[in-house]
Amino acid sequence: MGPAASGVAATPTPGGSDRLEPGLHGQRIHCSQKGGAGTGPNPTDRGKAGTKRHLVTDRCGIPLACLLSGANTHDSRPFEDLLDAVPSISGKPGRPRRRPDKLHADKAYDHRRCRRACLRRGIKHRIARRGIESSQRLGKHRWIIERTFAWINRFRRLAIRYERRLDIHHALTALACSLICLNALQGRF
């Protein structure tokens, strides 16, 4: 035990020695870093900082791989990384199958680099062509991925990105995808 305290305690000053992190006034990240890593100006929302999810699903809408990027990143840029992020499928004897047989994609992926990426990996691609095909033909395949995005947005923490740290947001997105997979498997066992 130490000596008894004097009658009047000194008032704490902001950023003083009584604070855990002096000089930051209760914030861990400085206000100039608002938005965090992995964000970019959203072209559809007046340039506000946002994040875009890139997904690969099976034909039932079960997420196989997910990547996050800034909202201003074109969909075709992380395409190869997204194909490489699909985990191997085990079950049958022999070498595990790593990639799907066929891939359906919308007009945002109509680039030579996306078609070459599919050919290098031995995937048959069905990518809509800009200016030639209407969106109606891929509608029967596109609603599946849109439904998966809606399933992810049902997790209220992911509908709007509140986290500034990209690793936390990615972990929450991966957890949401895991829960979607768990819900799909509930009826099978």
Protein backbone atom coordinates (compact mmCIF):
# COMPACT_ATOMS: atom_id res chain seq x y z
CA MET A 1 0.00 0.00 0.00
CA GLY A 2 1.19 3.47 -0.79
CA PRO A 3 0.70 6.75 0.98
CA ALA A 4 -2.80 8.17 1.28
CA ALA A 5 -3.99 10.34 -1.60
CA SER A 6 -4.31 14.08 -1.13
CA GLY A 7 -7.74 15.70 -0.92
CA VAL A 8 -8.23 16.85 -4.57
CA ALA A 9 -7.29 14.79 -7.60
CA ALA A 10 -5.96 16.51 -10.70
CA THR A 11 -8.29 16.57 -13.71
CA PRO A 12 -7.11 14.38 -16.56
CA THR A 13 -5.97 16.15 -19.71
CA PRO A 14 -6.64 14.76 -23.19
CA GLY A 15 -3.62 12.87 -24.41
CA GLY A 16 -2.07 12.93 -20.97
CA SER A 17 -0.30 10.20 -19.09
CA ASP A 18 -3.61 8.72 -17.89
CA ARG A 19 -4.54 7.62 -21.43
CA LEU A 20 -3.64 4.26 -22.94
CA GLU A 21 -2.50 5.74 -26.23
CA PRO A 22 -1.42 9.33 -25.77
CA GLY A 23 -2.09 11.75 -28.57
CA LEU A 24 -4.74 9.76 -30.42
CA HIS A 25 -7.74 11.01 -28.41
CA GLY A 26 -9.43 7.60 -28.22
CA GLN A 27 -8.90 6.63 -31.85
CA ARG A 28 -6.55 3.87 -32.89
CA ILE A 29 -6.54 4.92 -36.53
CA HIS A 30 -6.01 8.52 -37.48
CA CYS A 31 -8.96 10.24 -39.16
CA SER A 32 -7.02 10.57 -42.42
CA GLN A 33 -7.04 6.77 -42.71
CA LYS A 34 -10.84 6.54 -42.66
CA GLY A 35 -12.19 3.68 -44.72
CA GLY A 36 -9.24 1.41 -44.13
CA ALA A 37 -7.31 -0.83 -46.46
CA GLY A 38 -9.00 -2.54 -49.36
CA THR A 39 -11.37 0.33 -50.13
CA GLY A 40 -11.68 2.51 -53.16
CA PRO A 41 -13.99 5.23 -54.43
CA ASN A 42 -17.31 3.67 -55.37
CA PRO A 43 -18.29 4.82 -58.87
CA THR A 44 -22.00 4.29 -58.18
CA ASP A 45 -22.14 5.96 -54.77
CA ARG A 46 -20.67 9.47 -55.26
CA GLY A 47 -17.12 8.33 -54.67
CA LYS A 48 -17.60 7.05 -51.12
CA ALA A 49 -15.08 4.47 -49.98
CA GLY A 50 -16.33 0.95 -50.53
CA THR A 51 -15.36 -2.70 -50.91
CA LYS A 52 -16.29 -5.12 -53.66
CA ARG A 53 -16.76 -8.87 -53.15
CA HIS A 54 -15.68 -11.27 -55.87
CA LEU A 55 -17.22 -14.75 -55.57
CA VAL A 56 -17.02 -18.14 -57.25
CA THR A 57 -19.96 -20.42 -56.46
CA ASP A 58 -21.11 -23.83 -57.55
CA ARG A 59 -24.36 -24.27 -59.46
CA CYS A 60 -26.37 -24.23 -56.22
CA GLY A 61 -24.91 -20.92 -55.01
CA ILE A 62 -22.56 -22.37 -52.40
CA PRO A 63 -19.49 -20.09 -52.18
CA LEU A 64 -16.24 -21.76 -53.20
CA ALA A 65 -13.91 -18.75 -53.08
CA CYS A 66 -14.18 -15.11 -52.08
CA LEU A 67 -11.85 -12.16 -52.60
CA LEU A 68 -12.21 -8.53 -51.50
CA SER A 69 -10.99 -5.46 -53.36
CA GLY A 70 -11.68 -1.75 -53.58
CA ALA A 71 -14.98 -0.67 -55.10
CA ASN A 72 -13.22 0.91 -58.07
CA THR A 73 -11.43 -2.32 -59.06
CA HIS A 74 -12.67 -3.78 -62.32
CA ASP A 75 -14.14 -7.27 -62.01
CA SER A 76 -11.71 -8.79 -64.49
CA ARG A 77 -8.56 -7.82 -62.53
CA PRO A 78 -8.77 -10.36 -59.66
CA PHE A 79 -10.22 -13.07 -61.95
CA GLU A 80 -7.10 -15.28 -62.03
CA ASP A 81 -6.59 -14.99 -58.27
CA LEU A 82 -10.23 -15.93 -57.78
CA LEU A 83 -9.86 -19.06 -59.92
CA ASP A 84 -6.71 -20.03 -58.03
CA ALA A 85 -8.47 -19.54 -54.67
CA VAL A 86 -10.92 -22.39 -55.34
CA PRO A 87 -9.89 -25.21 -52.95
CA SER A 88 -9.29 -28.73 -54.18
CA ILE A 89 -12.22 -31.13 -54.04
CA SER A 90 -11.51 -34.43 -52.33
CA GLY A 91 -13.59 -37.57 -52.20
CA LYS A 92 -12.75 -39.69 -55.24
CA PRO A 93 -9.51 -41.69 -55.27
CA GLY A 94 -6.65 -40.22 -57.24
CA ARG A 95 -5.54 -36.67 -57.75
CA PRO A 96 -8.11 -34.27 -56.25
CA ARG A 97 -10.03 -32.13 -58.70
CA ARG A 98 -9.08 -28.49 -58.26
CA ARG A 99 -11.01 -26.56 -60.86
CA PRO A 100 -14.54 -26.62 -62.21
CA ASP A 101 -15.36 -28.01 -65.65
CA LYS A 102 -17.36 -25.01 -66.82
CA LEU A 103 -17.58 -21.35 -65.83
CA HIS A 104 -20.42 -18.90 -66.48
CA ALA A 105 -19.61 -15.19 -66.20
CA ASP A 106 -21.30 -11.93 -67.13
CA LYS A 107 -20.14 -9.14 -69.44
CA ALA A 108 -17.76 -7.65 -66.89
CA TYR A 109 -15.39 -10.58 -67.51
CA ASP A 110 -15.38 -10.17 -71.32
CA HIS A 111 -11.62 -9.65 -71.69
CA ARG A 112 -8.91 -11.65 -73.38
CA ARG A 113 -7.04 -12.13 -70.10
CA CYS A 114 -10.11 -13.80 -68.53
CA ARG A 115 -10.61 -16.12 -71.49
CA ARG A 116 -6.88 -16.98 -71.51
CA ALA A 117 -6.95 -17.65 -67.76
CA CYS A 118 -9.77 -20.16 -68.27
CA LEU A 119 -8.01 -21.84 -71.18
CA ARG A 120 -4.72 -22.17 -69.24
CA ARG A 121 -6.58 -23.93 -66.44
CA GLY A 122 -8.60 -26.21 -68.72
CA ILE A 123 -11.97 -24.62 -67.88
CA LYS A 124 -14.66 -24.26 -70.52
CA HIS A 125 -15.94 -20.71 -70.30
CA ARG A 126 -19.27 -19.17 -71.15
CA ILE A 127 -18.65 -15.43 -70.88
CA ALA A 128 -21.22 -13.02 -72.31
CA ARG A 129 -19.83 -10.69 -74.95
CA ARG A 130 -20.29 -6.95 -74.62
CA GLY A 131 -22.36 -5.32 -77.34
CA ILE A 132 -23.30 -8.66 -78.92
CA GLU A 133 -25.30 -10.68 -76.43
CA SER A 134 -28.13 -9.56 -74.21
CA SER A 135 -28.11 -10.20 -70.49
CA GLN A 136 -31.21 -12.36 -70.81
CA ARG A 137 -29.33 -15.51 -71.87
CA LEU A 138 -27.13 -15.60 -68.78
CA GLY A 139 -30.03 -14.67 -66.49
CA LYS A 140 -30.73 -18.28 -65.60
CA HIS A 141 -27.15 -18.58 -64.29
CA ARG A 142 -26.66 -15.05 -62.95
CA TRP A 143 -29.47 -15.16 -60.39
CA ILE A 144 -27.58 -17.86 -58.52
CA ILE A 145 -24.62 -15.59 -57.76
CA GLU A 146 -26.96 -12.68 -56.98
CA ARG A 147 -28.80 -14.89 -54.50
CA THR A 148 -25.47 -15.74 -52.84
CA PHE A 149 -24.67 -12.03 -52.52
CA ALA A 150 -28.09 -11.57 -50.90
CA TRP A 151 -27.34 -14.42 -48.47
CA ILE A 152 -24.09 -12.69 -47.49
CA ASN A 153 -25.86 -9.34 -47.06
CA ARG A 154 -28.32 -10.96 -44.64
CA PHE A 155 -25.44 -10.92 -42.17
CA ARG A 156 -26.06 -7.36 -41.08
CA ARG A 157 -22.46 -6.67 -40.17
CA LEU A 158 -21.46 -7.23 -43.81
CA ALA A 159 -24.21 -5.24 -45.54
CA ILE A 160 -22.27 -2.06 -44.74
CA ARG A 161 -18.57 -2.26 -44.06
CA TYR A 162 -17.91 -0.90 -40.59
CA GLU A 163 -14.45 -2.38 -40.05
CA ARG A 164 -11.44 -0.39 -41.05
CA ARG A 165 -9.12 -3.37 -41.00
CA LEU A 166 -9.30 -5.52 -44.12
CA ASP A 167 -8.35 -8.74 -42.32
CA ILE A 168 -11.31 -8.44 -39.94
CA HIS A 169 -13.73 -7.74 -42.81
CA HIS A 170 -12.31 -10.67 -44.78
CA ALA A 171 -12.64 -12.94 -41.74
CA LEU A 172 -16.29 -11.95 -41.26
CA THR A 173 -16.98 -12.56 -44.96
CA ALA A 174 -15.31 -15.98 -44.76
CA LEU A 175 -17.38 -16.78 -41.67
CA ALA A 176 -20.56 -15.80 -43.52
CA CYS A 177 -19.60 -18.04 -46.45
CA SER A 178 -18.90 -20.89 -44.00
CA LEU A 179 -22.32 -20.47 -42.40
CA ILE A 180 -23.95 -20.51 -45.85
CA CYS A 181 -22.15 -23.80 -46.57
CA LEU A 182 -23.25 -25.19 -43.19
CA ASN A 183 -26.88 -24.26 -43.87
CA ALA A 184 -26.70 -25.99 -47.25
CA LEU A 185 -25.33 -29.16 -45.63
CA GLN A 186 -27.89 -29.25 -42.79
CA GLY A 187 -30.45 -31.23 -44.77
CA ARG A 188 -27.96 -33.71 -46.24
CA PHE A 189 -26.94 -35.41 -42.97
